[in-house]
Amino acid sequence: MASATDSRYGQKESSDQNFDYMFKILIIGNSSVGKTSFLFRYADDSFTPAFVSTVGIDFKVKTIYRNDKRIKLQIWESFNAWQAWSTQIKTYSWDNAQVLLVGNKCDMEDERVVSSEKGRQLAEHLGFEFFEASAKDNINVKQTFERLVDIICEKMSESLDVADPAVTGAKQGPQLTDQQAPPND
């Protein structure tokens, strides 16, 4: 799972002021690994057990709140292998891309192809954080997306601190919720 933020770390897009930041998230992996299920579990909290091969690209939008900021997530899906995407990310220098490695279908232990240890070793080798998840059983799906947003926000904060420490003030731990922010009185 990789992300890139819109316009230098998620600055406001002038045509749509209904959010403070927009993060673009790309879910990548080979066919049949559960990308669509992972996407739908997070965006819609739904799971369909019937296998349907997705032709083309799935796209979902989800809005979350963090530290009184409305963050719009555009979540995309792609079918290329991790090796190719890892190379693409490094070659075309998405300097602000934040990446997590996610092993989906951890509920299918009897059919496991990659051990947890090999997944962790690969993530460590690539310099990514590693999660095992199950879209079917809703294991670590929300946590994976929350961690990715946390990483992006931390990088944004670091970038702002370097540019002008007075802009960000004291650092606080990220807090994510799926609930709407309270209305301003």
N, C-alpha and C. Protein backbone atom coordinates (compact mmCIF):
# COMPACT_ATOMS: atom_id res chain seq x y z
N MET A 1 0.86 -1.15 0.00
CA MET A 1 0.00 0.00 0.00
C MET A 1 0.90 1.21 0.00
N ALA A 2 0.67 2.08 -0.95
CA ALA A 2 1.49 3.28 -1.04
C ALA A 2 0.58 4.49 -1.09
N SER A 3 1.13 5.61 -0.77
CA SER A 3 0.33 6.82 -0.85
C SER A 3 1.17 7.96 -1.39
N ALA A 4 0.49 8.87 -1.99
CA ALA A 4 1.10 10.14 -2.37
C ALA A 4 0.06 11.19 -2.02
N THR A 5 0.50 12.31 -1.58
CA THR A 5 -0.46 13.35 -1.23
C THR A 5 -0.57 14.32 -2.38
N ASP A 6 -1.70 14.96 -2.47
CA ASP A 6 -1.96 15.90 -3.54
C ASP A 6 -1.23 17.20 -3.29
N SER A 7 -0.54 17.67 -4.29
CA SER A 7 0.12 18.97 -4.25
C SER A 7 0.98 19.18 -3.01
N ARG A 8 2.13 18.61 -3.02
CA ARG A 8 3.09 18.80 -1.93
C ARG A 8 2.49 18.53 -0.57
N TYR A 9 2.30 17.28 -0.27
CA TYR A 9 1.83 16.84 1.04
C TYR A 9 0.44 17.32 1.39
N GLY A 10 -0.47 17.26 0.45
CA GLY A 10 -1.88 17.44 0.77
C GLY A 10 -2.35 18.85 0.98
N GLN A 11 -1.78 19.82 0.31
CA GLN A 11 -2.28 21.18 0.45
C GLN A 11 -3.69 21.23 -0.11
N LYS A 12 -4.45 22.21 0.32
CA LYS A 12 -5.83 22.32 -0.11
C LYS A 12 -5.93 22.44 -1.62
N GLU A 13 -6.89 21.73 -2.16
CA GLU A 13 -7.17 21.82 -3.57
C GLU A 13 -8.18 22.94 -3.77
N SER A 14 -7.90 23.88 -4.65
CA SER A 14 -8.72 25.08 -4.75
C SER A 14 -10.14 24.82 -5.20
N SER A 15 -10.37 23.76 -5.99
CA SER A 15 -11.71 23.52 -6.50
C SER A 15 -12.64 22.85 -5.51
N ASP A 16 -12.14 22.28 -4.44
CA ASP A 16 -12.98 21.57 -3.47
C ASP A 16 -12.51 21.90 -2.07
N GLN A 17 -13.26 22.71 -1.35
CA GLN A 17 -12.87 23.12 -0.01
C GLN A 17 -13.58 22.31 1.07
N ASN A 18 -14.11 21.13 0.73
CA ASN A 18 -14.82 20.31 1.70
C ASN A 18 -13.88 19.43 2.52
N PHE A 19 -12.59 19.63 2.38
CA PHE A 19 -11.62 18.88 3.16
C PHE A 19 -10.39 19.75 3.38
N ASP A 20 -9.64 19.41 4.42
CA ASP A 20 -8.41 20.14 4.69
C ASP A 20 -7.24 19.58 3.90
N TYR A 21 -7.20 18.25 3.76
CA TYR A 21 -6.14 17.58 3.02
C TYR A 21 -6.74 16.45 2.22
N MET A 22 -6.08 16.12 1.11
CA MET A 22 -6.47 14.95 0.35
C MET A 22 -5.24 14.06 0.20
N PHE A 23 -5.36 12.80 0.60
CA PHE A 23 -4.28 11.84 0.43
C PHE A 23 -4.74 10.82 -0.59
N LYS A 24 -3.86 10.52 -1.54
CA LYS A 24 -4.15 9.50 -2.55
C LYS A 24 -3.42 8.23 -2.13
N ILE A 25 -4.18 7.16 -2.01
CA ILE A 25 -3.64 5.89 -1.55
C ILE A 25 -3.80 4.87 -2.67
N LEU A 26 -2.73 4.15 -2.95
CA LEU A 26 -2.73 3.14 -3.99
C LEU A 26 -2.54 1.77 -3.35
N ILE A 27 -3.45 0.86 -3.63
CA ILE A 27 -3.33 -0.52 -3.15
C ILE A 27 -2.81 -1.33 -4.32
N ILE A 28 -1.67 -1.96 -4.13
CA ILE A 28 -1.06 -2.70 -5.23
C ILE A 28 -0.84 -4.15 -4.83
N GLY A 29 -0.83 -5.01 -5.81
CA GLY A 29 -0.59 -6.42 -5.55
C GLY A 29 -1.04 -7.26 -6.73
N ASN A 30 -0.66 -8.51 -6.71
CA ASN A 30 -1.02 -9.42 -7.78
C ASN A 30 -2.51 -9.73 -7.77
N SER A 31 -2.97 -10.32 -8.84
CA SER A 31 -4.37 -10.71 -8.96
C SER A 31 -4.73 -11.72 -7.86
N SER A 32 -5.92 -11.60 -7.33
CA SER A 32 -6.50 -12.54 -6.36
C SER A 32 -5.94 -12.43 -4.94
N VAL A 33 -5.21 -11.37 -4.61
CA VAL A 33 -4.69 -11.25 -3.25
C VAL A 33 -5.66 -10.57 -2.31
N GLY A 34 -6.76 -10.03 -2.84
CA GLY A 34 -7.79 -9.44 -1.99
C GLY A 34 -7.77 -7.92 -1.93
N LYS A 35 -7.23 -7.27 -2.95
CA LYS A 35 -7.16 -5.81 -2.95
C LYS A 35 -8.55 -5.18 -2.90
N THR A 36 -9.45 -5.67 -3.73
CA THR A 36 -10.80 -5.12 -3.77
C THR A 36 -11.51 -5.36 -2.44
N SER A 37 -11.37 -6.54 -1.89
CA SER A 37 -11.99 -6.84 -0.59
C SER A 37 -11.43 -5.93 0.50
N PHE A 38 -10.13 -5.71 0.47
CA PHE A 38 -9.47 -4.83 1.44
C PHE A 38 -10.00 -3.41 1.30
N LEU A 39 -10.11 -2.94 0.06
CA LEU A 39 -10.63 -1.60 -0.23
C LEU A 39 -12.07 -1.45 0.26
N PHE A 40 -12.93 -2.40 -0.08
CA PHE A 40 -14.34 -2.31 0.30
C PHE A 40 -14.53 -2.47 1.80
N ARG A 41 -13.71 -3.31 2.45
CA ARG A 41 -13.84 -3.48 3.90
C ARG A 41 -13.57 -2.15 4.59
N TYR A 42 -12.54 -1.45 4.15
CA TYR A 42 -12.22 -0.19 4.80
C TYR A 42 -13.21 0.92 4.43
N ALA A 43 -13.46 1.09 3.16
CA ALA A 43 -14.28 2.22 2.71
C ALA A 43 -15.76 2.04 3.04
N ASP A 44 -16.28 0.83 2.91
CA ASP A 44 -17.72 0.58 3.10
C ASP A 44 -18.04 -0.35 4.26
N ASP A 45 -17.02 -0.89 4.92
CA ASP A 45 -17.19 -1.91 5.95
C ASP A 45 -18.05 -3.06 5.43
N SER A 46 -17.71 -3.52 4.23
CA SER A 46 -18.45 -4.63 3.63
C SER A 46 -17.48 -5.67 3.11
N PHE A 47 -17.98 -6.90 3.00
CA PHE A 47 -17.17 -8.00 2.46
C PHE A 47 -18.09 -8.91 1.67
N THR A 48 -17.67 -9.26 0.46
CA THR A 48 -18.41 -10.19 -0.38
C THR A 48 -17.56 -11.43 -0.57
N PRO A 49 -18.03 -12.59 -0.10
CA PRO A 49 -17.20 -13.79 -0.18
C PRO A 49 -17.02 -14.32 -1.60
N ALA A 50 -17.92 -13.99 -2.51
CA ALA A 50 -17.81 -14.48 -3.88
C ALA A 50 -16.64 -13.81 -4.58
N PHE A 51 -15.80 -14.60 -5.22
CA PHE A 51 -14.65 -14.05 -5.92
C PHE A 51 -15.09 -13.50 -7.27
N VAL A 52 -14.83 -12.25 -7.49
CA VAL A 52 -15.10 -11.62 -8.77
C VAL A 52 -13.84 -10.86 -9.15
N SER A 53 -13.23 -11.27 -10.25
CA SER A 53 -12.02 -10.60 -10.70
C SER A 53 -12.37 -9.19 -11.16
N THR A 54 -11.66 -8.23 -10.62
CA THR A 54 -11.90 -6.84 -10.97
C THR A 54 -11.16 -6.52 -12.26
N VAL A 55 -11.87 -5.95 -13.20
CA VAL A 55 -11.25 -5.56 -14.45
C VAL A 55 -11.10 -4.04 -14.41
N GLY A 56 -9.89 -3.57 -14.55
CA GLY A 56 -9.66 -2.13 -14.48
C GLY A 56 -9.21 -1.74 -13.08
N ILE A 57 -9.66 -0.58 -12.64
CA ILE A 57 -9.22 -0.03 -11.37
C ILE A 57 -10.42 0.30 -10.51
N ASP A 58 -10.39 -0.14 -9.27
CA ASP A 58 -11.41 0.25 -8.30
C ASP A 58 -10.98 1.55 -7.65
N PHE A 59 -11.95 2.34 -7.23
CA PHE A 59 -11.67 3.64 -6.65
C PHE A 59 -12.74 3.92 -5.60
N LYS A 60 -12.32 4.33 -4.42
CA LYS A 60 -13.24 4.68 -3.35
C LYS A 60 -12.75 5.95 -2.68
N VAL A 61 -13.67 6.66 -2.06
CA VAL A 61 -13.34 7.85 -1.30
C VAL A 61 -13.85 7.66 0.12
N LYS A 62 -13.05 8.03 1.08
CA LYS A 62 -13.46 7.99 2.48
C LYS A 62 -12.90 9.23 3.16
N THR A 63 -13.72 9.84 3.98
CA THR A 63 -13.28 11.02 4.71
C THR A 63 -13.13 10.67 6.18
N ILE A 64 -12.00 11.04 6.75
CA ILE A 64 -11.74 10.80 8.17
C ILE A 64 -11.33 12.11 8.81
N TYR A 65 -11.27 12.12 10.12
CA TYR A 65 -10.87 13.32 10.86
C TYR A 65 -9.65 13.00 11.71
N ARG A 66 -8.72 13.92 11.73
CA ARG A 66 -7.52 13.81 12.55
C ARG A 66 -7.17 15.20 13.05
N ASN A 67 -7.08 15.34 14.37
CA ASN A 67 -6.71 16.63 14.97
C ASN A 67 -7.48 17.79 14.37
N ASP A 68 -8.79 17.67 14.33
CA ASP A 68 -9.69 18.71 13.83
C ASP A 68 -9.50 19.02 12.35
N LYS A 69 -8.90 18.14 11.62
CA LYS A 69 -8.72 18.32 10.17
C LYS A 69 -9.51 17.24 9.45
N ARG A 70 -10.21 17.66 8.42
CA ARG A 70 -10.96 16.72 7.59
C ARG A 70 -10.03 16.25 6.48
N ILE A 71 -9.82 14.94 6.41
CA ILE A 71 -8.89 14.37 5.43
C ILE A 71 -9.67 13.47 4.49
N LYS A 72 -9.58 13.79 3.22
CA LYS A 72 -10.24 13.00 2.19
C LYS A 72 -9.22 11.99 1.67
N LEU A 73 -9.58 10.70 1.72
CA LEU A 73 -8.72 9.65 1.19
C LEU A 73 -9.28 9.20 -0.15
N GLN A 74 -8.48 9.27 -1.18
CA GLN A 74 -8.82 8.66 -2.46
C GLN A 74 -8.05 7.36 -2.49
N ILE A 75 -8.76 6.25 -2.51
CA ILE A 75 -8.10 4.94 -2.43
C ILE A 75 -8.26 4.26 -3.79
N TRP A 76 -7.14 3.97 -4.42
CA TRP A 76 -7.10 3.37 -5.74
C TRP A 76 -6.54 1.96 -5.63
N GLU A 77 -6.78 1.17 -6.66
CA GLU A 77 -6.27 -0.20 -6.68
C GLU A 77 -5.60 -0.51 -8.02
N SER A 78 -4.52 -1.27 -7.95
CA SER A 78 -3.78 -1.61 -9.16
C SER A 78 -3.38 -3.08 -9.11
N PHE A 79 -2.99 -3.61 -10.26
CA PHE A 79 -2.74 -5.05 -10.34
C PHE A 79 -1.30 -5.45 -10.59
N ASN A 80 -0.38 -4.54 -10.50
CA ASN A 80 1.02 -4.89 -10.75
C ASN A 80 1.66 -5.48 -9.50
N ALA A 81 2.69 -6.26 -9.72
CA ALA A 81 3.40 -6.92 -8.62
C ALA A 81 4.19 -5.91 -7.80
N TRP A 82 4.45 -6.23 -6.54
CA TRP A 82 5.14 -5.32 -5.64
C TRP A 82 6.53 -4.96 -6.15
N GLN A 83 7.21 -5.92 -6.80
CA GLN A 83 8.56 -5.63 -7.27
C GLN A 83 8.54 -4.47 -8.27
N ALA A 84 7.60 -4.54 -9.19
CA ALA A 84 7.51 -3.49 -10.21
C ALA A 84 7.16 -2.15 -9.57
N TRP A 85 6.22 -2.14 -8.62
CA TRP A 85 5.83 -0.89 -8.00
C TRP A 85 6.93 -0.34 -7.10
N SER A 86 7.61 -1.22 -6.40
CA SER A 86 8.71 -0.77 -5.56
C SER A 86 9.77 -0.09 -6.41
N THR A 87 10.07 -0.69 -7.55
CA THR A 87 11.03 -0.10 -8.47
C THR A 87 10.52 1.22 -9.02
N GLN A 88 9.23 1.26 -9.39
CA GLN A 88 8.64 2.50 -9.92
C GLN A 88 8.73 3.62 -8.89
N ILE A 89 8.40 3.31 -7.65
CA ILE A 89 8.43 4.33 -6.60
C ILE A 89 9.84 4.89 -6.45
N LYS A 90 10.83 4.00 -6.43
CA LYS A 90 12.21 4.44 -6.27
C LYS A 90 12.75 5.14 -7.52
N THR A 91 12.43 4.60 -8.70
CA THR A 91 12.93 5.15 -9.95
C THR A 91 12.39 6.54 -10.23
N TYR A 92 11.10 6.70 -10.03
CA TYR A 92 10.48 7.98 -10.36
C TYR A 92 10.39 8.89 -9.15
N SER A 93 11.12 8.55 -8.14
CA SER A 93 11.35 9.35 -6.93
C SER A 93 10.10 10.02 -6.37
N TRP A 94 9.14 9.21 -6.02
CA TRP A 94 8.01 9.73 -5.25
C TRP A 94 8.55 9.97 -3.86
N ASP A 95 9.29 11.02 -3.69
CA ASP A 95 9.96 11.28 -2.42
C ASP A 95 8.99 11.32 -1.25
N ASN A 96 7.77 11.74 -1.51
CA ASN A 96 6.81 11.85 -0.42
C ASN A 96 5.89 10.64 -0.32
N ALA A 97 6.14 9.60 -1.10
CA ALA A 97 5.32 8.39 -1.02
C ALA A 97 5.65 7.63 0.26
N GLN A 98 4.63 7.26 1.00
CA GLN A 98 4.79 6.46 2.21
C GLN A 98 4.22 5.08 1.92
N VAL A 99 4.94 4.04 2.29
CA VAL A 99 4.58 2.68 1.87
C VAL A 99 4.48 1.75 3.06
N LEU A 100 3.44 0.91 3.05
CA LEU A 100 3.30 -0.18 4.00
C LEU A 100 3.18 -1.47 3.20
N LEU A 101 3.69 -2.56 3.72
CA LEU A 101 3.52 -3.87 3.11
C LEU A 101 2.45 -4.60 3.91
N VAL A 102 1.41 -5.07 3.22
CA VAL A 102 0.29 -5.72 3.89
C VAL A 102 0.11 -7.11 3.31
N GLY A 103 0.12 -8.11 4.20
CA GLY A 103 -0.21 -9.48 3.81
C GLY A 103 -1.68 -9.71 4.13
N ASN A 104 -2.52 -9.79 3.10
CA ASN A 104 -3.95 -9.98 3.29
C ASN A 104 -4.28 -11.48 3.38
N LYS A 105 -5.46 -11.79 3.82
CA LYS A 105 -5.99 -13.15 3.94
C LYS A 105 -5.29 -13.94 5.05
N CYS A 106 -4.92 -13.27 6.14
CA CYS A 106 -4.26 -13.98 7.24
C CYS A 106 -5.23 -14.96 7.92
N ASP A 107 -6.51 -14.86 7.61
CA ASP A 107 -7.50 -15.80 8.15
C ASP A 107 -7.39 -17.17 7.47
N MET A 108 -6.71 -17.26 6.36
CA MET A 108 -6.60 -18.51 5.59
C MET A 108 -5.27 -19.21 5.88
N GLU A 109 -5.04 -19.50 7.13
CA GLU A 109 -3.75 -20.07 7.59
C GLU A 109 -3.39 -21.35 6.84
N ASP A 110 -4.37 -22.21 6.56
CA ASP A 110 -4.09 -23.48 5.88
C ASP A 110 -3.65 -23.30 4.43
N GLU A 111 -3.97 -22.16 3.85
CA GLU A 111 -3.63 -21.90 2.46
C GLU A 111 -2.52 -20.86 2.33
N ARG A 112 -1.86 -20.56 3.43
CA ARG A 112 -0.82 -19.52 3.46
C ARG A 112 0.29 -19.86 2.46
N VAL A 113 0.67 -18.83 1.69
CA VAL A 113 1.74 -18.96 0.71
C VAL A 113 3.03 -18.33 1.24
N VAL A 114 2.88 -17.22 1.97
CA VAL A 114 4.03 -16.50 2.51
C VAL A 114 3.91 -16.49 4.03
N SER A 115 4.95 -16.93 4.71
CA SER A 115 4.92 -16.94 6.18
C SER A 115 4.99 -15.51 6.71
N SER A 116 4.52 -15.35 7.94
CA SER A 116 4.60 -14.03 8.59
C SER A 116 6.04 -13.56 8.65
N GLU A 117 6.94 -14.46 8.95
CA GLU A 117 8.36 -14.11 9.07
C GLU A 117 8.93 -13.62 7.74
N LYS A 118 8.58 -14.32 6.64
CA LYS A 118 9.07 -13.87 5.33
C LYS A 118 8.49 -12.51 4.96
N GLY A 119 7.24 -12.28 5.32
CA GLY A 119 6.62 -10.97 5.07
C GLY A 119 7.34 -9.88 5.84
N ARG A 120 7.64 -10.15 7.11
CA ARG A 120 8.36 -9.17 7.93
C ARG A 120 9.77 -8.91 7.38
N GLN A 121 10.45 -9.99 6.95
CA GLN A 121 11.79 -9.85 6.40
C GLN A 121 11.78 -9.01 5.12
N LEU A 122 10.79 -9.25 4.25
CA LEU A 122 10.69 -8.48 3.02
C LEU A 122 10.44 -7.01 3.34
N ALA A 123 9.52 -6.76 4.25
CA ALA A 123 9.21 -5.37 4.62
C ALA A 123 10.45 -4.69 5.19
N GLU A 124 11.17 -5.39 6.04
CA GLU A 124 12.39 -4.82 6.62
C GLU A 124 13.42 -4.53 5.53
N HIS A 125 13.56 -5.46 4.60
CA HIS A 125 14.50 -5.29 3.50
C HIS A 125 14.14 -4.07 2.65
N LEU A 126 12.85 -3.86 2.43
CA LEU A 126 12.39 -2.74 1.61
C LEU A 126 12.29 -1.43 2.40
N GLY A 127 12.36 -1.55 3.74
CA GLY A 127 12.24 -0.37 4.58
C GLY A 127 10.81 0.06 4.82
N PHE A 128 9.87 -0.89 4.78
CA PHE A 128 8.45 -0.62 4.99
C PHE A 128 7.98 -1.22 6.30
N GLU A 129 6.90 -0.71 6.85
CA GLU A 129 6.24 -1.36 7.97
C GLU A 129 5.40 -2.51 7.42
N PHE A 130 5.16 -3.52 8.25
CA PHE A 130 4.44 -4.73 7.80
C PHE A 130 3.20 -4.97 8.64
N PHE A 131 2.11 -5.28 7.98
CA PHE A 131 0.86 -5.67 8.63
C PHE A 131 0.35 -6.95 8.00
N GLU A 132 -0.21 -7.81 8.81
CA GLU A 132 -1.00 -8.92 8.29
C GLU A 132 -2.45 -8.55 8.53
N ALA A 133 -3.30 -8.85 7.55
CA ALA A 133 -4.68 -8.40 7.63
C ALA A 133 -5.61 -9.45 7.03
N SER A 134 -6.89 -9.28 7.32
CA SER A 134 -7.93 -10.09 6.70
C SER A 134 -9.13 -9.19 6.44
N ALA A 135 -9.43 -8.98 5.17
CA ALA A 135 -10.62 -8.22 4.82
C ALA A 135 -11.86 -9.00 5.23
N LYS A 136 -11.82 -10.31 5.10
CA LYS A 136 -12.98 -11.15 5.45
C LYS A 136 -13.32 -11.04 6.93
N ASP A 137 -12.33 -11.22 7.79
CA ASP A 137 -12.57 -11.20 9.24
C ASP A 137 -12.34 -9.81 9.85
N ASN A 138 -12.08 -8.83 9.01
CA ASN A 138 -11.87 -7.45 9.44
C ASN A 138 -10.75 -7.34 10.48
N ILE A 139 -9.62 -7.95 10.16
CA ILE A 139 -8.44 -7.94 11.03
C ILE A 139 -7.43 -6.94 10.45
N ASN A 140 -7.07 -5.94 11.22
CA ASN A 140 -6.03 -4.95 10.88
C ASN A 140 -6.31 -4.12 9.63
N VAL A 141 -7.52 -4.11 9.12
CA VAL A 141 -7.82 -3.30 7.93
C VAL A 141 -7.81 -1.83 8.31
N LYS A 142 -8.63 -1.46 9.26
CA LYS A 142 -8.70 -0.06 9.70
C LYS A 142 -7.35 0.38 10.26
N GLN A 143 -6.72 -0.48 11.03
CA GLN A 143 -5.42 -0.15 11.65
C GLN A 143 -4.36 0.13 10.58
N THR A 144 -4.40 -0.61 9.48
CA THR A 144 -3.43 -0.40 8.41
C THR A 144 -3.60 0.99 7.78
N PHE A 145 -4.84 1.33 7.45
CA PHE A 145 -5.08 2.64 6.87
C PHE A 145 -4.77 3.75 7.87
N GLU A 146 -5.14 3.55 9.12
CA GLU A 146 -4.85 4.56 10.14
C GLU A 146 -3.35 4.78 10.29
N ARG A 147 -2.58 3.70 10.27
CA ARG A 147 -1.13 3.84 10.39
C ARG A 147 -0.55 4.59 9.20
N LEU A 148 -1.06 4.30 8.00
CA LEU A 148 -0.58 4.99 6.82
C LEU A 148 -0.88 6.48 6.90
N VAL A 149 -2.09 6.83 7.33
CA VAL A 149 -2.44 8.25 7.49
C VAL A 149 -1.56 8.88 8.57
N ASP A 150 -1.33 8.16 9.66
CA ASP A 150 -0.44 8.69 10.71
C ASP A 150 0.95 9.00 10.15
N ILE A 151 1.49 8.09 9.37
CA ILE A 151 2.82 8.28 8.79
C ILE A 151 2.83 9.51 7.89
N ILE A 152 1.81 9.64 7.06
CA ILE A 152 1.72 10.80 6.16
C ILE A 152 1.66 12.09 6.97
N CYS A 153 0.82 12.10 7.99
CA CYS A 153 0.68 13.30 8.82
C CYS A 153 1.97 13.62 9.57
N GLU A 154 2.67 12.59 10.04
CA GLU A 154 3.95 12.81 10.70
C GLU A 154 4.95 13.43 9.73
N LYS A 155 4.99 12.93 8.50
CA LYS A 155 5.90 13.48 7.49
C LYS A 155 5.53 14.91 7.15
N MET A 156 4.23 15.20 7.07
CA MET A 156 3.79 16.57 6.82
C MET A 156 4.25 17.48 7.94
N SER A 157 4.08 17.03 9.18
CA SER A 157 4.47 17.81 10.34
C SER A 157 5.98 18.07 10.33
N GLU A 158 6.75 17.03 10.02
CA GLU A 158 8.21 17.18 9.94
C GLU A 158 8.58 18.19 8.86
N SER A 159 7.90 18.11 7.73
CA SER A 159 8.18 19.03 6.63
C SER A 159 7.86 20.46 7.04
N LEU A 160 6.75 20.65 7.72
CA LEU A 160 6.39 21.99 8.17
C LEU A 160 7.33 22.49 9.26
N ASP A 161 7.76 21.57 10.15
CA ASP A 161 8.70 21.96 11.20
C ASP A 161 10.00 22.48 10.62
N VAL A 162 10.47 21.82 9.56
CA VAL A 162 11.71 22.24 8.93
C VAL A 162 11.52 23.59 8.26
N ALA A 163 10.34 23.77 7.63
CA ALA A 163 10.07 25.03 6.92
C ALA A 163 9.86 26.18 7.90
N ASP A 164 9.04 25.96 8.93
CA ASP A 164 8.74 27.02 9.88
C ASP A 164 8.18 26.39 11.15
N PRO A 165 9.00 26.19 12.17
CA PRO A 165 8.55 25.54 13.39
C PRO A 165 7.37 26.25 14.05
N ALA A 166 7.22 27.52 13.86
CA ALA A 166 6.11 28.25 14.49
C ALA A 166 4.76 27.88 13.89
N VAL A 167 4.76 27.35 12.66
CA VAL A 167 3.51 27.01 12.00
C VAL A 167 2.81 25.85 12.69
N THR A 168 3.56 24.84 13.09
CA THR A 168 2.95 23.63 13.63
C THR A 168 2.78 23.65 15.13
N GLY A 169 3.55 24.44 15.84
CA GLY A 169 3.43 24.46 17.30
C GLY A 169 3.88 23.14 17.91
N ALA A 170 3.36 22.84 19.09
CA ALA A 170 3.74 21.61 19.78
C ALA A 170 3.18 20.40 19.04
N LYS A 171 3.99 19.35 18.97
CA LYS A 171 3.55 18.12 18.31
C LYS A 171 2.63 17.34 19.25
N GLN A 172 1.58 16.80 18.66
CA GLN A 172 0.67 15.94 19.41
C GLN A 172 0.59 14.61 18.68
N GLY A 173 0.27 13.56 19.40
CA GLY A 173 0.08 12.26 18.79
C GLY A 173 -1.13 12.27 17.89
N PRO A 174 -1.07 11.56 16.74
CA PRO A 174 -2.19 11.55 15.83
C PRO A 174 -3.39 10.81 16.43
N GLN A 175 -4.56 11.33 16.15
CA GLN A 175 -5.79 10.70 16.60
C GLN A 175 -6.73 10.63 15.42
N LEU A 176 -7.13 9.41 15.05
CA LEU A 176 -8.01 9.21 13.91
C LEU A 176 -9.34 8.67 14.40
N THR A 177 -10.40 9.12 13.76
CA THR A 177 -11.72 8.54 14.04
C THR A 177 -12.48 8.51 12.73
N ASP A 178 -13.46 7.64 12.64
CA ASP A 178 -14.35 7.59 11.50
C ASP A 178 -15.56 8.45 11.74
N GLN A 179 -15.63 9.08 12.90
CA GLN A 179 -16.80 9.87 13.25
C GLN A 179 -16.62 11.28 12.74
N GLN A 180 -17.73 11.94 12.51
CA GLN A 180 -17.67 13.31 12.04
C GLN A 180 -17.22 14.22 13.16
N ALA A 181 -16.56 15.28 12.80
CA ALA A 181 -16.12 16.26 13.78
C ALA A 181 -17.34 16.97 14.35
N PRO A 182 -17.30 17.39 15.61
CA PRO A 182 -18.43 18.10 16.19
C PRO A 182 -18.65 19.42 15.46
N PRO A 183 -19.92 19.81 15.29
CA PRO A 183 -20.17 21.07 14.58
C PRO A 183 -19.65 22.25 15.39
N ASN A 184 -19.21 23.27 14.67
CA ASN A 184 -18.72 24.47 15.32
C ASN A 184 -19.91 25.30 15.77
N ASP A 185 -19.92 25.72 17.01
CA ASP A 185 -21.02 26.54 17.54
C ASP A 185 -20.73 28.00 17.39
